[in-house]
Each structure stands twice: as structure tokens, then as C-alpha cells.
Amino acid sequence: MPNDVSILRALNVEIGQAEMLGDRQRLDAILAPTFAFQRADGTTLDRKAFLDKETFNGRRIRETEIESIALYRKRAVVSSISIMNEARVHNLCLFIKQGDEWKLLGWAIELL
């Protein structure tokens, strides 16, 4: 049975793939009921706006490199680098464990 670190590592890669493919249904299942996303320019989106965002078109090429995963009981912070086309961004993701599932509560990115 996979441990929480391996689950979070796989989940972060899966989030990138779901975003790249435009799989709103999978992202909807991963996001916590209350979710916040901060773009590199500082603007923030709530859950609905994130799932509905215009740039969410499945055309971006994306790779995810996990830097670190810190567990705090039923909370986790994942730091990663995403490469989208030629842009590199740093991601900080806050996950919470609800029952047996990890849910993404917050995500903030910054251009590198």
C-alpha cells in the first residue's frame, strides 16, 4: 500500500497532467470544497473560477518536478517546479487529508 509521500508525489504529477489535458472532472475530484489559486501575477481564483478559467484549454505542454513534500499529520505542503512550454514556475501546494483522500486546498505559483 502506498504511503502518503508517494501518494502526494503522484497526485501532484496527476494534477499537472489533468490541467494539461483539460480534465476538469479529475481536477474537480482533487480540489477541496474550498480552494484558492494564486497566479504568478498575484491574482487569485476560487474553486469555480479555477475550473472555468479561459487558459484551461489543454494545449500546454507540462512537466512537474517535485522538490519537497512536508507532512504535518493531515496536512502537507508540496513544493515543485512546473515547466510549461518554455516557462518555469514554482508551485507551493497545501493539501489536507479528508478521510482517506488528499485534497488540494491552496496553490500559489511564482515565475522563475
N, C-alpha and C. Protein backbone atom coordinates (compact mmCIF):
# COMPACT_ATOMS: atom_id res chain seq x y z
N MET A 1 0.84 -1.18 0.00
CA MET A 1 0.00 0.00 0.00
C MET A 1 0.88 1.25 0.00
N PRO A 2 0.61 2.22 -0.90
CA PRO A 2 1.47 3.40 -0.97
C PRO A 2 1.35 4.27 0.28
N ASN A 3 2.46 4.91 0.64
CA ASN A 3 2.43 5.82 1.77
C ASN A 3 2.03 7.22 1.31
N ASP A 4 1.79 8.11 2.26
CA ASP A 4 1.30 9.46 1.94
C ASP A 4 2.25 10.24 1.03
N VAL A 5 3.55 10.10 1.24
CA VAL A 5 4.52 10.82 0.40
C VAL A 5 4.40 10.38 -1.06
N SER A 6 4.35 9.08 -1.28
CA SER A 6 4.24 8.60 -2.66
C SER A 6 2.89 8.97 -3.28
N ILE A 7 1.83 8.97 -2.47
CA ILE A 7 0.52 9.38 -2.97
C ILE A 7 0.55 10.85 -3.37
N LEU A 8 1.12 11.71 -2.53
CA LEU A 8 1.19 13.15 -2.83
C LEU A 8 2.08 13.43 -4.04
N ARG A 9 3.17 12.69 -4.16
CA ARG A 9 4.05 12.85 -5.32
C ARG A 9 3.27 12.53 -6.60
N ALA A 10 2.59 11.41 -6.61
CA ALA A 10 1.82 11.00 -7.79
C ALA A 10 0.66 11.96 -8.05
N LEU A 11 0.03 12.43 -6.99
CA LEU A 11 -1.10 13.35 -7.13
C LEU A 11 -0.68 14.67 -7.76
N ASN A 12 0.49 15.17 -7.39
CA ASN A 12 0.98 16.42 -7.98
C ASN A 12 1.27 16.27 -9.46
N VAL A 13 1.84 15.17 -9.85
CA VAL A 13 2.07 14.91 -11.27
C VAL A 13 0.73 14.77 -11.99
N GLU A 14 -0.20 14.08 -11.35
CA GLU A 14 -1.53 13.89 -11.95
C GLU A 14 -2.27 15.22 -12.12
N ILE A 15 -2.13 16.13 -11.17
CA ILE A 15 -2.76 17.45 -11.28
C ILE A 15 -2.23 18.16 -12.52
N GLY A 16 -0.92 18.12 -12.72
CA GLY A 16 -0.33 18.74 -13.90
C GLY A 16 -0.85 18.13 -15.19
N GLN A 17 -0.96 16.82 -15.21
CA GLN A 17 -1.47 16.14 -16.39
C GLN A 17 -2.94 16.48 -16.64
N ALA A 18 -3.74 16.50 -15.57
CA ALA A 18 -5.16 16.82 -15.71
C ALA A 18 -5.35 18.25 -16.21
N GLU A 19 -4.52 19.16 -15.71
CA GLU A 19 -4.61 20.55 -16.17
C GLU A 19 -4.21 20.63 -17.64
N MET A 20 -3.13 19.94 -18.00
CA MET A 20 -2.66 19.98 -19.38
C MET A 20 -3.70 19.41 -20.34
N LEU A 21 -4.38 18.34 -19.94
CA LEU A 21 -5.36 17.68 -20.79
C LEU A 21 -6.74 18.32 -20.73
N GLY A 22 -6.92 19.28 -19.83
CA GLY A 22 -8.22 19.92 -19.69
C GLY A 22 -9.24 19.02 -19.00
N ASP A 23 -8.77 18.14 -18.11
CA ASP A 23 -9.65 17.19 -17.42
C ASP A 23 -10.24 17.83 -16.17
N ARG A 24 -11.26 18.65 -16.38
CA ARG A 24 -11.91 19.35 -15.26
C ARG A 24 -12.53 18.38 -14.26
N GLN A 25 -13.05 17.27 -14.75
CA GLN A 25 -13.69 16.29 -13.87
C GLN A 25 -12.69 15.73 -12.86
N ARG A 26 -11.49 15.40 -13.31
CA ARG A 26 -10.47 14.87 -12.39
C ARG A 26 -10.01 15.95 -11.42
N LEU A 27 -9.80 17.17 -11.93
CA LEU A 27 -9.40 18.25 -11.04
C LEU A 27 -10.47 18.54 -10.01
N ASP A 28 -11.73 18.51 -10.42
CA ASP A 28 -12.85 18.74 -9.51
C ASP A 28 -12.80 17.75 -8.36
N ALA A 29 -12.43 16.50 -8.64
CA ALA A 29 -12.36 15.47 -7.61
C ALA A 29 -11.18 15.67 -6.66
N ILE A 30 -10.13 16.33 -7.13
CA ILE A 30 -8.93 16.53 -6.32
C ILE A 30 -9.03 17.77 -5.44
N LEU A 31 -9.71 18.80 -5.91
CA LEU A 31 -9.78 20.05 -5.17
C LEU A 31 -10.66 19.92 -3.92
N ALA A 32 -10.24 20.59 -2.86
CA ALA A 32 -11.06 20.66 -1.65
C ALA A 32 -12.30 21.52 -1.95
N PRO A 33 -13.37 21.34 -1.18
CA PRO A 33 -14.57 22.13 -1.42
C PRO A 33 -14.31 23.64 -1.42
N THR A 34 -13.43 24.09 -0.56
CA THR A 34 -12.98 25.48 -0.57
C THR A 34 -11.54 25.45 -1.05
N PHE A 35 -11.25 26.14 -2.14
CA PHE A 35 -9.94 26.09 -2.78
C PHE A 35 -9.56 27.49 -3.24
N ALA A 36 -8.29 27.82 -3.15
CA ALA A 36 -7.78 29.10 -3.65
C ALA A 36 -6.53 28.85 -4.49
N PHE A 37 -6.44 29.60 -5.60
CA PHE A 37 -5.31 29.51 -6.52
C PHE A 37 -4.77 30.91 -6.75
N GLN A 38 -3.46 31.09 -6.58
CA GLN A 38 -2.84 32.38 -6.84
C GLN A 38 -1.93 32.27 -8.04
N ARG A 39 -2.21 33.08 -9.04
CA ARG A 39 -1.39 33.13 -10.25
C ARG A 39 -0.08 33.84 -9.96
N ALA A 40 0.84 33.73 -10.90
CA ALA A 40 2.15 34.37 -10.75
C ALA A 40 2.03 35.90 -10.68
N ASP A 41 0.97 36.46 -11.29
CA ASP A 41 0.80 37.92 -11.25
C ASP A 41 0.11 38.39 -9.98
N GLY A 42 -0.20 37.46 -9.07
CA GLY A 42 -0.80 37.82 -7.79
C GLY A 42 -2.32 37.75 -7.76
N THR A 43 -2.97 37.60 -8.89
CA THR A 43 -4.42 37.47 -8.87
C THR A 43 -4.80 36.09 -8.33
N THR A 44 -5.94 36.05 -7.67
CA THR A 44 -6.39 34.80 -7.09
C THR A 44 -7.72 34.36 -7.69
N LEU A 45 -7.89 33.05 -7.72
CA LEU A 45 -9.12 32.45 -8.22
C LEU A 45 -9.68 31.52 -7.16
N ASP A 46 -11.00 31.47 -7.06
CA ASP A 46 -11.61 30.48 -6.19
C ASP A 46 -11.79 29.18 -6.98
N ARG A 47 -12.39 28.21 -6.37
CA ARG A 47 -12.54 26.89 -6.98
C ARG A 47 -13.25 26.95 -8.32
N LYS A 48 -14.40 27.60 -8.37
CA LYS A 48 -15.19 27.68 -9.60
C LYS A 48 -14.42 28.41 -10.70
N ALA A 49 -13.82 29.54 -10.36
CA ALA A 49 -13.07 30.31 -11.36
C ALA A 49 -11.87 29.51 -11.87
N PHE A 50 -11.22 28.76 -11.00
CA PHE A 50 -10.09 27.94 -11.44
C PHE A 50 -10.54 26.89 -12.44
N LEU A 51 -11.63 26.19 -12.13
CA LEU A 51 -12.12 25.14 -13.02
C LEU A 51 -12.66 25.70 -14.33
N ASP A 52 -13.11 26.96 -14.31
CA ASP A 52 -13.69 27.59 -15.50
C ASP A 52 -12.70 28.47 -16.28
N LYS A 53 -11.47 28.60 -15.79
CA LYS A 53 -10.55 29.58 -16.37
C LYS A 53 -10.34 29.40 -17.88
N GLU A 54 -10.24 30.53 -18.55
CA GLU A 54 -10.12 30.56 -20.02
C GLU A 54 -8.87 29.86 -20.52
N THR A 55 -7.76 30.00 -19.81
CA THR A 55 -6.50 29.43 -20.29
C THR A 55 -6.44 27.93 -20.10
N PHE A 56 -7.46 27.39 -19.50
CA PHE A 56 -7.52 25.96 -19.22
C PHE A 56 -8.02 25.24 -20.46
N ASN A 57 -7.13 25.09 -21.45
CA ASN A 57 -7.56 24.60 -22.75
C ASN A 57 -6.87 23.33 -23.21
N GLY A 58 -6.03 22.76 -22.37
CA GLY A 58 -5.40 21.50 -22.73
C GLY A 58 -4.30 21.63 -23.77
N ARG A 59 -3.83 22.82 -24.06
CA ARG A 59 -2.81 23.00 -25.10
C ARG A 59 -1.39 23.12 -24.57
N ARG A 60 -1.25 23.23 -23.27
CA ARG A 60 0.09 23.44 -22.72
C ARG A 60 0.83 22.13 -22.53
N ILE A 61 2.10 22.14 -22.80
CA ILE A 61 2.96 21.00 -22.50
C ILE A 61 3.48 21.25 -21.09
N ARG A 62 3.39 20.23 -20.24
CA ARG A 62 3.76 20.46 -18.85
C ARG A 62 4.52 19.27 -18.29
N GLU A 63 5.57 19.59 -17.55
CA GLU A 63 6.32 18.60 -16.78
C GLU A 63 6.37 19.09 -15.35
N THR A 64 6.34 18.18 -14.40
CA THR A 64 6.38 18.54 -12.99
C THR A 64 7.55 17.86 -12.32
N GLU A 65 8.35 18.65 -11.62
CA GLU A 65 9.49 18.14 -10.85
C GLU A 65 9.22 18.44 -9.38
N ILE A 66 9.05 17.42 -8.57
CA ILE A 66 8.79 17.60 -7.14
C ILE A 66 10.10 17.97 -6.44
N GLU A 67 10.08 19.06 -5.68
CA GLU A 67 11.24 19.47 -4.89
C GLU A 67 11.20 18.87 -3.49
N SER A 68 10.05 19.02 -2.83
CA SER A 68 9.94 18.52 -1.46
C SER A 68 8.48 18.28 -1.10
N ILE A 69 8.31 17.39 -0.13
CA ILE A 69 6.99 17.10 0.43
C ILE A 69 7.15 17.08 1.95
N ALA A 70 6.42 17.96 2.62
CA ALA A 70 6.46 18.02 4.09
C ALA A 70 5.09 17.62 4.62
N LEU A 71 5.08 16.61 5.48
CA LEU A 71 3.84 16.12 6.08
C LEU A 71 3.68 16.67 7.49
N TYR A 72 2.47 17.10 7.81
CA TYR A 72 2.12 17.59 9.14
C TYR A 72 0.77 16.97 9.51
N ARG A 73 0.83 15.71 9.95
CA ARG A 73 -0.37 14.93 10.29
C ARG A 73 -1.30 14.84 9.09
N LYS A 74 -2.41 15.58 9.09
CA LYS A 74 -3.38 15.52 8.00
C LYS A 74 -3.25 16.72 7.07
N ARG A 75 -2.05 17.32 7.07
CA ARG A 75 -1.75 18.43 6.17
C ARG A 75 -0.42 18.16 5.50
N ALA A 76 -0.26 18.70 4.31
CA ALA A 76 1.01 18.52 3.61
C ALA A 76 1.28 19.73 2.74
N VAL A 77 2.55 20.07 2.61
CA VAL A 77 2.98 21.15 1.72
C VAL A 77 3.91 20.52 0.69
N VAL A 78 3.58 20.73 -0.58
CA VAL A 78 4.38 20.19 -1.66
C VAL A 78 4.96 21.35 -2.46
N SER A 79 6.26 21.33 -2.64
CA SER A 79 6.97 22.32 -3.45
C SER A 79 7.40 21.63 -4.73
N SER A 80 7.12 22.29 -5.86
CA SER A 80 7.51 21.69 -7.15
C SER A 80 7.80 22.76 -8.18
N ILE A 81 8.44 22.33 -9.24
CA ILE A 81 8.70 23.18 -10.40
C ILE A 81 7.90 22.61 -11.56
N SER A 82 7.18 23.48 -12.26
CA SER A 82 6.47 23.06 -13.47
C SER A 82 7.09 23.77 -14.65
N ILE A 83 7.27 23.02 -15.71
CA ILE A 83 7.77 23.57 -16.96
C ILE A 83 6.62 23.48 -17.95
N MET A 84 6.16 24.66 -18.38
CA MET A 84 5.04 24.73 -19.32
C MET A 84 5.52 25.46 -20.55
N ASN A 85 5.60 24.72 -21.65
CA ASN A 85 6.22 25.24 -22.86
C ASN A 85 7.61 25.71 -22.49
N GLU A 86 7.88 26.99 -22.52
CA GLU A 86 9.23 27.45 -22.15
C GLU A 86 9.27 28.16 -20.81
N ALA A 87 8.12 28.29 -20.15
CA ALA A 87 8.06 28.98 -18.85
C ALA A 87 8.30 27.98 -17.72
N ARG A 88 8.98 28.46 -16.68
CA ARG A 88 9.19 27.66 -15.47
C ARG A 88 8.52 28.39 -14.32
N VAL A 89 7.72 27.64 -13.55
CA VAL A 89 7.06 28.23 -12.39
C VAL A 89 7.30 27.37 -11.17
N HIS A 90 7.35 28.04 -10.03
CA HIS A 90 7.48 27.35 -8.75
C HIS A 90 6.08 27.26 -8.15
N ASN A 91 5.71 26.07 -7.71
CA ASN A 91 4.41 25.81 -7.10
C ASN A 91 4.56 25.50 -5.62
N LEU A 92 3.67 26.07 -4.82
CA LEU A 92 3.51 25.65 -3.44
C LEU A 92 2.06 25.20 -3.30
N CYS A 93 1.87 23.96 -2.90
CA CYS A 93 0.52 23.40 -2.77
C CYS A 93 0.29 22.95 -1.34
N LEU A 94 -0.87 23.32 -0.81
CA LEU A 94 -1.28 22.90 0.52
C LEU A 94 -2.39 21.86 0.36
N PHE A 95 -2.14 20.68 0.88
CA PHE A 95 -3.11 19.59 0.84
C PHE A 95 -3.63 19.32 2.24
N ILE A 96 -4.88 18.87 2.30
CA ILE A 96 -5.47 18.41 3.56
C ILE A 96 -6.01 17.00 3.33
N LYS A 97 -5.94 16.18 4.36
CA LYS A 97 -6.44 14.82 4.22
C LYS A 97 -7.87 14.77 4.77
N GLN A 98 -8.79 14.39 3.90
CA GLN A 98 -10.19 14.24 4.28
C GLN A 98 -10.55 12.77 4.14
N GLY A 99 -10.79 12.13 5.27
CA GLY A 99 -10.98 10.68 5.25
C GLY A 99 -9.69 10.02 4.81
N ASP A 100 -9.73 9.27 3.74
CA ASP A 100 -8.54 8.60 3.21
C ASP A 100 -7.95 9.32 2.00
N GLU A 101 -8.50 10.47 1.62
CA GLU A 101 -8.06 11.15 0.40
C GLU A 101 -7.40 12.50 0.70
N TRP A 102 -6.36 12.79 -0.08
CA TRP A 102 -5.73 14.09 -0.03
C TRP A 102 -6.47 15.03 -0.98
N LYS A 103 -6.78 16.24 -0.50
CA LYS A 103 -7.46 17.25 -1.29
C LYS A 103 -6.60 18.51 -1.34
N LEU A 104 -6.57 19.14 -2.50
CA LEU A 104 -5.79 20.36 -2.69
C LEU A 104 -6.59 21.55 -2.19
N LEU A 105 -6.09 22.20 -1.15
CA LEU A 105 -6.77 23.34 -0.53
C LEU A 105 -6.28 24.67 -1.07
N GLY A 106 -4.96 24.76 -1.34
CA GLY A 106 -4.40 26.02 -1.83
C GLY A 106 -3.22 25.78 -2.73
N TRP A 107 -3.08 26.67 -3.72
CA TRP A 107 -1.99 26.54 -4.70
C TRP A 107 -1.54 27.94 -5.07
N ALA A 108 -0.27 28.23 -4.89
CA ALA A 108 0.29 29.52 -5.26
C ALA A 108 1.49 29.28 -6.16
N ILE A 109 1.58 30.06 -7.26
CA ILE A 109 2.70 29.90 -8.17
C ILE A 109 3.47 31.20 -8.31
N GLU A 110 4.71 31.06 -8.71
CA GLU A 110 5.58 32.21 -8.95
C GLU A 110 6.50 31.86 -10.12
N LEU A 111 6.66 32.81 -11.04
CA LEU A 111 7.57 32.60 -12.16
C LEU A 111 9.00 32.52 -11.69
N LEU A 112 9.77 31.66 -12.32
CA LEU A 112 11.20 31.56 -12.01
C LEU A 112 12.02 32.33 -13.03
